[in-house]
């Protein structure tokens, strides 16, 4: 599936797998080996950056090839909460508000965690 996604995305940029390998400096044999092997994360990230997509898309974890806008707040989904039955559907706004409030209270009780995220 991974190699198929890379091929498909590369094709949308008029590139072949050979082109992807050359432009990222990854050997073609390495790229083709991803048919049966798991790539190193740094190599896959290089390919994702070249193809203007995410590693999640290439790995088949999402069907959306676009890179999320860092200025847009992430909409919490049921899958984010480990609730597979809800899939990638966003949680209702009321539920999101409850989760935000819970997280805020937790970080107030554990300010040392906030410092880690600010570093």
C-alpha atoms as a PDB file:
ATOM      1  CA  UNK A   1       0.000   0.000   0.000  1.00  0.00           C
ATOM      2  CA  UNK A   2       2.811   2.433   0.905  1.00  0.00           C
ATOM      3  CA  UNK A   3       4.585   2.079  -2.412  1.00  0.00           C
ATOM      4  CA  UNK A   4       1.260   2.398  -4.258  1.00  0.00           C
ATOM      5  CA  UNK A   5       0.542   5.663  -2.453  1.00  0.00           C
ATOM      6  CA  UNK A   6       3.998   6.995  -3.256  1.00  0.00           C
ATOM      7  CA  UNK A   7       3.562   6.037  -6.937  1.00  0.00           C
ATOM      8  CA  UNK A   8       0.120   7.629  -7.069  1.00  0.00           C
ATOM      9  CA  UNK A   9       1.255  10.855  -5.431  1.00  0.00           C
ATOM     10  CA  UNK A  10       4.430  11.012  -7.534  1.00  0.00           C
ATOM     11  CA  UNK A  11       2.350  10.588 -10.684  1.00  0.00           C
ATOM     12  CA  UNK A  12       0.331  13.672  -9.746  1.00  0.00           C
ATOM     13  CA  UNK A  13       3.635  15.599  -9.912  1.00  0.00           C
ATOM     14  CA  UNK A  14       4.654  13.885 -13.185  1.00  0.00           C
ATOM     15  CA  UNK A  15       7.335  11.904 -11.390  1.00  0.00           C
ATOM     16  CA  UNK A  16       8.237   8.237 -11.369  1.00  0.00           C
ATOM     17  CA  UNK A  17       9.570   6.269  -8.413  1.00  0.00           C
ATOM     18  CA  UNK A  18      13.005   6.681  -9.981  1.00  0.00           C
ATOM     19  CA  UNK A  19      12.505  10.469  -9.929  1.00  0.00           C
ATOM     20  CA  UNK A  20      11.444  10.320  -6.281  1.00  0.00           C
ATOM     21  CA  UNK A  21      14.569   8.339  -5.420  1.00  0.00           C
ATOM     22  CA  UNK A  22      16.859  10.742  -7.293  1.00  0.00           C
ATOM     23  CA  UNK A  23      15.298  13.908  -5.878  1.00  0.00           C
ATOM     24  CA  UNK A  24      15.463  12.637  -2.293  1.00  0.00           C
ATOM     25  CA  UNK A  25      18.882  11.028  -2.574  1.00  0.00           C
ATOM     26  CA  UNK A  26      17.456   7.657  -1.564  1.00  0.00           C
ATOM     27  CA  UNK A  27      18.626   4.699  -3.610  1.00  0.00           C
ATOM     28  CA  UNK A  28      15.991   3.326  -6.000  1.00  0.00           C
ATOM     29  CA  UNK A  29      16.512  -0.150  -4.510  1.00  0.00           C
ATOM     30  CA  UNK A  30      15.628   1.213  -1.092  1.00  0.00           C
ATOM     31  CA  UNK A  31      12.460   2.836  -2.394  1.00  0.00           C
ATOM     32  CA  UNK A  32      11.395  -0.331  -4.215  1.00  0.00           C
ATOM     33  CA  UNK A  33      12.134  -2.414  -1.089  1.00  0.00           C
ATOM     34  CA  UNK A  34       9.332  -0.544   0.686  1.00  0.00           C
ATOM     35  CA  UNK A  35       6.963  -2.910  -1.080  1.00  0.00           C
ATOM     36  CA  UNK A  36       7.859  -5.434   1.647  1.00  0.00           C
ATOM     37  CA  UNK A  37       9.890  -3.478   4.209  1.00  0.00           C
ATOM     38  CA  UNK A  38       9.050  -0.616   6.517  1.00  0.00           C
ATOM     39  CA  UNK A  39      11.057   2.493   5.622  1.00  0.00           C
ATOM     40  CA  UNK A  40      13.038   4.488   8.126  1.00  0.00           C
ATOM     41  CA  UNK A  41      10.992   7.438   9.315  1.00  0.00           C
ATOM     42  CA  UNK A  42      13.549  10.010   8.149  1.00  0.00           C
ATOM     43  CA  UNK A  43      13.519   8.578   4.614  1.00  0.00           C
ATOM     44  CA  UNK A  44       9.731   8.477   4.476  1.00  0.00           C
ATOM     45  CA  UNK A  45       9.601  12.063   5.728  1.00  0.00           C
ATOM     46  CA  UNK A  46      11.895  13.128   2.870  1.00  0.00           C
ATOM     47  CA  UNK A  47       9.541  11.496   0.366  1.00  0.00           C
ATOM     48  CA  UNK A  48       6.479  13.067   1.986  1.00  0.00           C
ATOM     49  CA  UNK A  49       8.080  16.515   1.850  1.00  0.00           C
ATOM     50  CA  UNK A  50       9.003  16.062  -1.803  1.00  0.00           C
ATOM     51  CA  UNK A  51       5.449  14.974  -2.645  1.00  0.00           C
ATOM     52  CA  UNK A  52       3.897  17.743  -0.542  1.00  0.00           C
ATOM     53  CA  UNK A  53       1.980  15.356   1.679  1.00  0.00           C
ATOM     54  CA  UNK A  54       2.194  13.690   5.075  1.00  0.00           C
ATOM     55  CA  UNK A  55       3.718  10.411   6.176  1.00  0.00           C
ATOM     56  CA  UNK A  56       0.276   9.501   7.540  1.00  0.00           C
ATOM     57  CA  UNK A  57      -1.129   9.746   4.024  1.00  0.00           C
ATOM     58  CA  UNK A  58       1.678   7.657   2.539  1.00  0.00           C
ATOM     59  CA  UNK A  59       1.200   5.040   5.265  1.00  0.00           C
ATOM     60  CA  UNK A  60      -2.542   4.863   4.589  1.00  0.00           C
ATOM     61  CA  UNK A  61      -3.558   6.288   7.967  1.00  0.00           C
ATOM     62  CA  UNK A  62      -5.578   9.007   6.247  1.00  0.00           C
ATOM     63  CA  UNK A  63      -7.030   9.454   2.783  1.00  0.00           C
ATOM     64  CA  UNK A  64      -6.372  13.199   2.847  1.00  0.00           C
ATOM     65  CA  UNK A  65      -3.045  13.989   1.158  1.00  0.00           C
ATOM     66  CA  UNK A  66      -3.038  17.656   2.184  1.00  0.00           C
ATOM     67  CA  UNK A  67      -0.712  18.995   4.840  1.00  0.00           C
ATOM     68  CA  UNK A  68      -2.707  20.351   7.769  1.00  0.00           C
ATOM     69  CA  UNK A  69      -2.570  24.105   8.292  1.00  0.00           C
ATOM     70  CA  UNK A  70      -0.706  24.701  11.544  1.00  0.00           C
ATOM     71  CA  UNK A  71      -2.800  27.824  12.169  1.00  0.00           C
ATOM     72  CA  UNK A  72      -6.028  25.844  12.225  1.00  0.00           C
ATOM     73  CA  UNK A  73      -6.996  24.214  15.498  1.00  0.00           C
ATOM     74  CA  UNK A  74      -7.192  20.429  15.179  1.00  0.00           C
ATOM     75  CA  UNK A  75     -10.746  19.167  15.308  1.00  0.00           C
ATOM     76  CA  UNK A  76     -10.798  16.218  17.701  1.00  0.00           C
ATOM     77  CA  UNK A  77     -12.120  12.994  16.155  1.00  0.00           C
ATOM     78  CA  UNK A  78     -13.432   9.833  17.756  1.00  0.00           C
ATOM     79  CA  UNK A  79     -10.357   7.994  16.462  1.00  0.00           C
ATOM     80  CA  UNK A  80      -8.140  10.469  18.368  1.00  0.00           C
ATOM     81  CA  UNK A  81      -9.850   9.229  21.515  1.00  0.00           C
ATOM     82  CA  UNK A  82      -9.298   5.581  20.633  1.00  0.00           C
ATOM     83  CA  UNK A  83     -12.953   5.114  19.720  1.00  0.00           C
ATOM     84  CA  UNK A  84     -12.660   3.364  16.373  1.00  0.00           C
ATOM     85  CA  UNK A  85     -16.424   3.062  15.977  1.00  0.00           C
ATOM     86  CA  UNK A  86     -16.672   6.805  15.392  1.00  0.00           C
ATOM     87  CA  UNK A  87     -13.784   6.844  12.946  1.00  0.00           C
ATOM     88  CA  UNK A  88     -12.553  10.175  11.649  1.00  0.00           C
ATOM     89  CA  UNK A  89     -15.832  11.959  12.317  1.00  0.00           C
ATOM     90  CA  UNK A  90     -15.324  15.058  14.444  1.00  0.00           C
ATOM     91  CA  UNK A  91     -16.711  14.916  17.958  1.00  0.00           C
ATOM     92  CA  UNK A  92     -19.646  17.257  18.675  1.00  0.00           C
ATOM     93  CA  UNK A  93     -18.704  20.802  19.743  1.00  0.00           C
ATOM     94  CA  UNK A  94     -20.171  20.208  23.215  1.00  0.00           C
ATOM     95  CA  UNK A  95     -17.911  17.184  23.677  1.00  0.00           C
ATOM     96  CA  UNK A  96     -14.888  19.147  22.378  1.00  0.00           C
ATOM     97  CA  UNK A  97     -15.597  21.855  24.967  1.00  0.00           C
ATOM     98  CA  UNK A  98     -15.663  19.231  27.731  1.00  0.00           C
ATOM     99  CA  UNK A  99     -12.356  17.725  26.571  1.00  0.00           C
ATOM    100  CA  UNK A 100     -10.739  21.180  26.364  1.00  0.00           C
ATOM    101  CA  UNK A 101     -11.933  21.991  29.877  1.00  0.00           C
ATOM    102  CA  UNK A 102     -10.639  18.676  31.215  1.00  0.00           C
ATOM    103  CA  UNK A 103      -7.236  19.206  29.559  1.00  0.00           C
ATOM    104  CA  UNK A 104      -7.010  22.763  30.887  1.00  0.00           C
ATOM    105  CA  UNK A 105      -7.732  21.548  34.421  1.00  0.00           C
ATOM    106  CA  UNK A 106      -5.156  18.803  34.097  1.00  0.00           C
ATOM    107  CA  UNK A 107      -2.444  21.217  32.939  1.00  0.00           C
ATOM    108  CA  UNK A 108      -3.300  23.615  35.785  1.00  0.00           C
ATOM    109  CA  UNK A 109      -2.770  20.725  38.223  1.00  0.00           C
ATOM    110  CA  UNK A 110       0.462  19.703  36.451  1.00  0.00           C
ATOM    111  CA  UNK A 111       2.223  22.925  35.335  1.00  0.00           C
ATOM    112  CA  UNK A 112       5.486  21.024  34.852  1.00  0.00           C
ATOM    113  CA  UNK A 113       3.945  19.377  31.773  1.00  0.00           C
ATOM    114  CA  UNK A 114       3.132  22.718  30.190  1.00  0.00           C
ATOM    115  CA  UNK A 115       6.779  23.765  30.514  1.00  0.00           C
ATOM    116  CA  UNK A 116       7.854  20.639  28.584  1.00  0.00           C
ATOM    117  CA  UNK A 117       5.553  21.573  25.714  1.00  0.00           C
ATOM    118  CA  UNK A 118       6.785  25.178  25.661  1.00  0.00           C
ATOM    119  CA  UNK A 119      10.453  24.111  25.266  1.00  0.00           C
END
